[in-house]
N, C-alpha and C. Protein backbone atom coordinates (compact mmCIF):
# COMPACT_ATOMS: atom_id res chain seq x y z
N UNK A 1 11.91 15.33 -4.68
CA UNK A 1 12.94 14.51 -4.09
C UNK A 1 13.52 13.59 -5.16
N UNK A 2 14.82 13.52 -5.20
CA UNK A 2 15.51 12.63 -6.13
C UNK A 2 15.52 11.23 -5.53
N UNK A 3 14.90 10.28 -6.19
CA UNK A 3 14.78 8.93 -5.65
C UNK A 3 16.11 8.18 -5.64
N UNK A 4 17.11 8.69 -6.33
CA UNK A 4 18.43 8.07 -6.28
C UNK A 4 19.15 8.37 -4.97
N UNK A 5 18.70 9.41 -4.27
CA UNK A 5 19.32 9.76 -3.00
C UNK A 5 18.31 9.68 -1.86
N UNK A 6 17.42 8.70 -1.95
CA UNK A 6 16.40 8.54 -0.92
C UNK A 6 17.02 8.30 0.45
N UNK A 7 18.04 7.46 0.51
CA UNK A 7 18.73 7.19 1.76
C UNK A 7 20.17 7.66 1.61
N UNK A 8 20.46 8.79 2.23
CA UNK A 8 21.79 9.38 2.14
C UNK A 8 22.32 9.65 3.54
N UNK A 9 23.59 10.05 3.63
CA UNK A 9 24.16 10.38 4.93
C UNK A 9 23.43 11.55 5.56
N UNK A 10 22.98 12.47 4.73
CA UNK A 10 22.20 13.60 5.24
C UNK A 10 20.87 13.17 5.83
N UNK A 11 20.23 12.21 5.17
CA UNK A 11 18.97 11.68 5.67
C UNK A 11 19.18 10.92 6.97
N UNK A 12 20.23 10.11 7.02
CA UNK A 12 20.52 9.35 8.23
C UNK A 12 20.92 10.25 9.39
N UNK A 13 21.39 11.44 9.09
CA UNK A 13 21.78 12.39 10.12
C UNK A 13 20.61 13.09 10.77
N UNK A 14 19.42 12.92 10.23
CA UNK A 14 18.24 13.53 10.84
C UNK A 14 17.61 12.56 11.83
N UNK A 15 16.84 13.09 12.74
CA UNK A 15 16.17 12.25 13.74
C UNK A 15 15.21 11.27 13.07
N UNK A 16 14.44 11.75 12.12
CA UNK A 16 13.46 10.89 11.45
C UNK A 16 14.15 9.80 10.63
N UNK A 17 15.21 10.15 9.93
CA UNK A 17 15.93 9.16 9.13
C UNK A 17 16.58 8.10 9.99
N UNK A 18 17.22 8.51 11.08
CA UNK A 18 17.86 7.56 11.98
C UNK A 18 16.82 6.66 12.65
N UNK A 19 15.69 7.23 13.02
CA UNK A 19 14.62 6.45 13.66
C UNK A 19 14.04 5.43 12.69
N UNK A 20 13.80 5.84 11.45
CA UNK A 20 13.24 4.92 10.47
C UNK A 20 14.19 3.76 10.18
N UNK A 21 15.46 4.07 9.99
CA UNK A 21 16.44 3.02 9.70
C UNK A 21 16.65 2.10 10.90
N UNK A 22 16.65 2.66 12.09
CA UNK A 22 16.77 1.84 13.30
C UNK A 22 15.59 0.89 13.41
N UNK A 23 14.40 1.37 13.18
CA UNK A 23 13.22 0.52 13.23
C UNK A 23 13.26 -0.58 12.18
N UNK A 24 13.67 -0.22 10.98
CA UNK A 24 13.75 -1.19 9.89
C UNK A 24 14.77 -2.28 10.20
N UNK A 25 15.98 -1.87 10.60
CA UNK A 25 17.01 -2.86 10.91
C UNK A 25 16.64 -3.71 12.12
N UNK A 26 16.00 -3.12 13.11
CA UNK A 26 15.58 -3.88 14.28
C UNK A 26 14.58 -4.96 13.90
N UNK A 27 13.61 -4.60 13.08
CA UNK A 27 12.60 -5.58 12.67
C UNK A 27 13.20 -6.68 11.80
N UNK A 28 14.20 -6.33 11.01
CA UNK A 28 14.85 -7.33 10.17
C UNK A 28 15.75 -8.28 10.97
N UNK A 29 16.41 -7.75 12.00
CA UNK A 29 17.40 -8.54 12.73
C UNK A 29 16.88 -9.23 13.99
N UNK A 30 15.73 -8.84 14.49
CA UNK A 30 15.28 -9.39 15.77
C UNK A 30 14.97 -10.88 15.69
N UNK A 31 14.58 -11.36 14.53
CA UNK A 31 14.33 -12.80 14.41
C UNK A 31 15.63 -13.58 14.23
N UNK A 32 16.67 -12.93 13.79
CA UNK A 32 17.97 -13.58 13.61
C UNK A 32 18.75 -13.59 14.92
N UNK A 33 18.73 -12.46 15.62
CA UNK A 33 19.46 -12.33 16.88
C UNK A 33 18.44 -12.42 18.01
N UNK A 34 18.14 -13.63 18.42
CA UNK A 34 17.07 -13.85 19.40
C UNK A 34 17.54 -13.74 20.84
N UNK A 35 18.84 -13.82 21.09
CA UNK A 35 19.34 -13.80 22.47
C UNK A 35 19.35 -12.40 23.07
N UNK A 36 19.33 -11.39 22.23
CA UNK A 36 19.35 -10.01 22.70
C UNK A 36 17.92 -9.47 22.71
N UNK A 37 17.48 -8.89 23.84
CA UNK A 37 16.13 -8.30 23.86
C UNK A 37 15.99 -7.22 22.78
N UNK A 38 14.79 -7.10 22.25
CA UNK A 38 14.56 -6.20 21.12
C UNK A 38 14.92 -4.75 21.43
N UNK A 39 14.63 -4.28 22.64
CA UNK A 39 14.95 -2.90 22.99
C UNK A 39 16.46 -2.68 23.01
N UNK A 40 17.21 -3.65 23.52
CA UNK A 40 18.67 -3.53 23.51
C UNK A 40 19.22 -3.59 22.09
N UNK A 41 18.65 -4.46 21.29
CA UNK A 41 19.07 -4.56 19.88
C UNK A 41 18.83 -3.23 19.17
N UNK A 42 17.69 -2.63 19.43
CA UNK A 42 17.36 -1.34 18.84
C UNK A 42 18.37 -0.27 19.26
N UNK A 43 18.74 -0.25 20.54
CA UNK A 43 19.72 0.72 21.00
C UNK A 43 21.09 0.48 20.35
N UNK A 44 21.51 -0.77 20.26
CA UNK A 44 22.81 -1.07 19.65
C UNK A 44 22.84 -0.69 18.17
N UNK A 45 21.74 -0.95 17.48
CA UNK A 45 21.66 -0.56 16.07
C UNK A 45 21.72 0.96 15.93
N UNK A 46 20.97 1.67 16.76
CA UNK A 46 20.98 3.13 16.72
C UNK A 46 22.37 3.68 17.04
N UNK A 47 23.04 3.08 18.01
CA UNK A 47 24.38 3.52 18.40
C UNK A 47 25.37 3.36 17.24
N UNK A 48 25.36 2.21 16.62
CA UNK A 48 26.26 1.97 15.48
C UNK A 48 25.90 2.88 14.32
N UNK A 49 24.61 2.99 14.03
CA UNK A 49 24.16 3.83 12.92
C UNK A 49 24.57 5.29 13.11
N UNK A 50 24.37 5.82 14.32
CA UNK A 50 24.73 7.22 14.57
C UNK A 50 26.23 7.43 14.62
N UNK A 51 26.98 6.46 15.11
CA UNK A 51 28.44 6.58 15.13
C UNK A 51 28.98 6.59 13.71
N UNK A 52 28.48 5.71 12.87
CA UNK A 52 28.95 5.66 11.47
C UNK A 52 28.52 6.93 10.73
N UNK A 53 27.30 7.39 10.97
CA UNK A 53 26.83 8.62 10.33
C UNK A 53 27.65 9.83 10.77
N UNK A 54 27.98 9.91 12.05
CA UNK A 54 28.80 11.01 12.55
C UNK A 54 30.18 10.98 11.92
N UNK A 55 30.75 9.80 11.82
CA UNK A 55 32.08 9.67 11.21
C UNK A 55 32.03 10.00 9.71
N UNK A 56 30.96 9.58 9.03
CA UNK A 56 30.87 9.80 7.59
C UNK A 56 30.60 11.25 7.23
N UNK A 57 29.85 11.95 8.06
CA UNK A 57 29.49 13.33 7.71
C UNK A 57 30.49 14.35 8.22
N UNK A 58 31.23 14.03 9.26
CA UNK A 58 32.16 15.02 9.79
C UNK A 58 33.57 14.51 9.97
N UNK A 59 33.78 13.26 9.67
CA UNK A 59 35.10 12.68 9.84
C UNK A 59 35.34 12.25 11.28
N UNK A 60 36.37 11.45 11.48
CA UNK A 60 36.70 10.93 12.80
C UNK A 60 37.28 12.00 13.71
N UNK A 61 37.63 13.13 13.16
CA UNK A 61 38.27 14.18 13.95
C UNK A 61 37.26 15.15 14.55
N UNK A 62 36.07 14.67 14.83
CA UNK A 62 35.06 15.49 15.50
C UNK A 62 35.53 15.77 16.93
N UNK A 63 35.12 16.89 17.50
CA UNK A 63 35.44 17.15 18.91
C UNK A 63 34.79 16.09 19.81
N UNK A 64 35.35 15.91 20.99
CA UNK A 64 34.83 14.89 21.90
C UNK A 64 33.39 15.18 22.31
N UNK A 65 33.00 16.45 22.26
CA UNK A 65 31.63 16.80 22.65
C UNK A 65 30.60 16.22 21.67
N UNK A 66 30.98 16.13 20.41
CA UNK A 66 30.09 15.53 19.40
C UNK A 66 29.95 14.03 19.68
N UNK A 67 31.06 13.37 19.94
CA UNK A 67 31.04 11.93 20.20
C UNK A 67 30.34 11.61 21.52
N UNK A 68 30.40 12.52 22.48
CA UNK A 68 29.74 12.29 23.76
C UNK A 68 28.22 12.28 23.62
N UNK A 69 27.70 12.97 22.62
CA UNK A 69 26.26 13.02 22.42
C UNK A 69 25.72 11.83 21.62
N UNK A 70 26.59 11.06 20.99
CA UNK A 70 26.13 9.93 20.17
C UNK A 70 25.34 8.91 21.00
N UNK A 71 25.81 8.47 22.19
CA UNK A 71 25.00 7.50 22.95
C UNK A 71 23.65 8.07 23.41
N UNK A 72 23.62 9.35 23.78
CA UNK A 72 22.36 9.97 24.19
C UNK A 72 21.39 10.04 23.01
N UNK A 73 21.89 10.47 21.86
CA UNK A 73 21.04 10.52 20.67
C UNK A 73 20.58 9.12 20.27
N UNK A 74 21.46 8.12 20.43
CA UNK A 74 21.08 6.74 20.10
C UNK A 74 19.95 6.27 21.02
N UNK A 75 20.00 6.66 22.27
CA UNK A 75 18.93 6.30 23.20
C UNK A 75 17.60 6.91 22.76
N UNK A 76 17.63 8.18 22.39
CA UNK A 76 16.40 8.85 21.94
C UNK A 76 15.86 8.24 20.65
N UNK A 77 16.75 7.94 19.72
CA UNK A 77 16.35 7.32 18.46
C UNK A 77 15.75 5.94 18.72
N UNK A 78 16.39 5.18 19.58
CA UNK A 78 15.91 3.84 19.91
C UNK A 78 14.52 3.89 20.57
N UNK A 79 14.35 4.78 21.52
CA UNK A 79 13.05 4.92 22.18
C UNK A 79 11.95 5.34 21.19
N UNK A 80 12.28 6.25 20.29
CA UNK A 80 11.30 6.69 19.30
C UNK A 80 10.96 5.55 18.34
N UNK A 81 11.96 4.80 17.95
CA UNK A 81 11.73 3.66 17.05
C UNK A 81 10.86 2.60 17.72
N UNK A 82 11.18 2.28 18.97
CA UNK A 82 10.38 1.29 19.70
C UNK A 82 8.95 1.79 19.91
N UNK A 83 8.80 3.06 20.19
CA UNK A 83 7.47 3.63 20.37
C UNK A 83 6.65 3.60 19.09
N UNK A 84 7.30 3.82 17.96
CA UNK A 84 6.60 3.79 16.68
C UNK A 84 6.10 2.38 16.38
N UNK A 85 6.93 1.38 16.66
CA UNK A 85 6.51 -0.01 16.43
C UNK A 85 5.36 -0.37 17.35
N UNK A 86 5.45 0.02 18.62
CA UNK A 86 4.36 -0.26 19.57
C UNK A 86 3.06 0.43 19.15
N UNK A 87 3.17 1.65 18.65
CA UNK A 87 1.98 2.38 18.20
C UNK A 87 1.34 1.69 17.00
N UNK A 88 2.16 1.18 16.10
CA UNK A 88 1.62 0.47 14.93
C UNK A 88 0.93 -0.82 15.36
N UNK A 89 1.52 -1.51 16.32
CA UNK A 89 0.89 -2.74 16.83
C UNK A 89 -0.43 -2.43 17.53
N UNK A 90 -0.48 -1.35 18.28
CA UNK A 90 -1.71 -0.98 18.98
C UNK A 90 -2.81 -0.62 17.99
N UNK A 91 -2.46 0.07 16.91
CA UNK A 91 -3.45 0.41 15.89
C UNK A 91 -3.95 -0.84 15.18
N UNK A 92 -3.05 -1.79 15.03
CA UNK A 92 -3.41 -3.03 14.34
C UNK A 92 -4.20 -3.96 15.25
N UNK A 93 -4.08 -3.75 16.56
CA UNK A 93 -4.80 -4.59 17.52
C UNK A 93 -3.97 -5.75 18.02
N UNK A 94 -2.70 -5.80 17.64
CA UNK A 94 -1.81 -6.87 18.07
C UNK A 94 -0.85 -6.30 19.08
N UNK A 95 -1.05 -6.58 20.37
CA UNK A 95 -0.25 -5.94 21.41
C UNK A 95 0.87 -6.82 21.92
N UNK A 96 1.21 -7.90 21.24
CA UNK A 96 2.32 -8.74 21.67
C UNK A 96 3.62 -8.19 21.12
N UNK A 97 4.74 -8.45 21.82
CA UNK A 97 6.02 -7.92 21.36
C UNK A 97 6.85 -8.90 20.65
C-alpha cells in the first residue's frame, strides 16, 4: 500500500473506509457539538461524507437512483461506526456513552 494515498476517494467509497472516517470525525466533533446526540451526529457526518464521496467519484450528474441510496448507506455506515465504538468501550470495560 502506498502511504501517500492512505485516505483517498476510493478508500472513502468503501464501507470500511466510510465507517472508519465517520467514527473518527464523530469522536473528534462530539465534544465540540454537544447539543446534537452522538448517534445523530454520526449519521449527519456519514451523510455528508457519502454525498461528497459520491459527487467526487462520479460527478454530480449521477442518476437519481444513486443519490437515493446515499441516505440509506449513511444510516448503515453510522450504525456500524456506532457499534464499533460501543464494542471498543465494552472491551475496555467502560460502558458509558
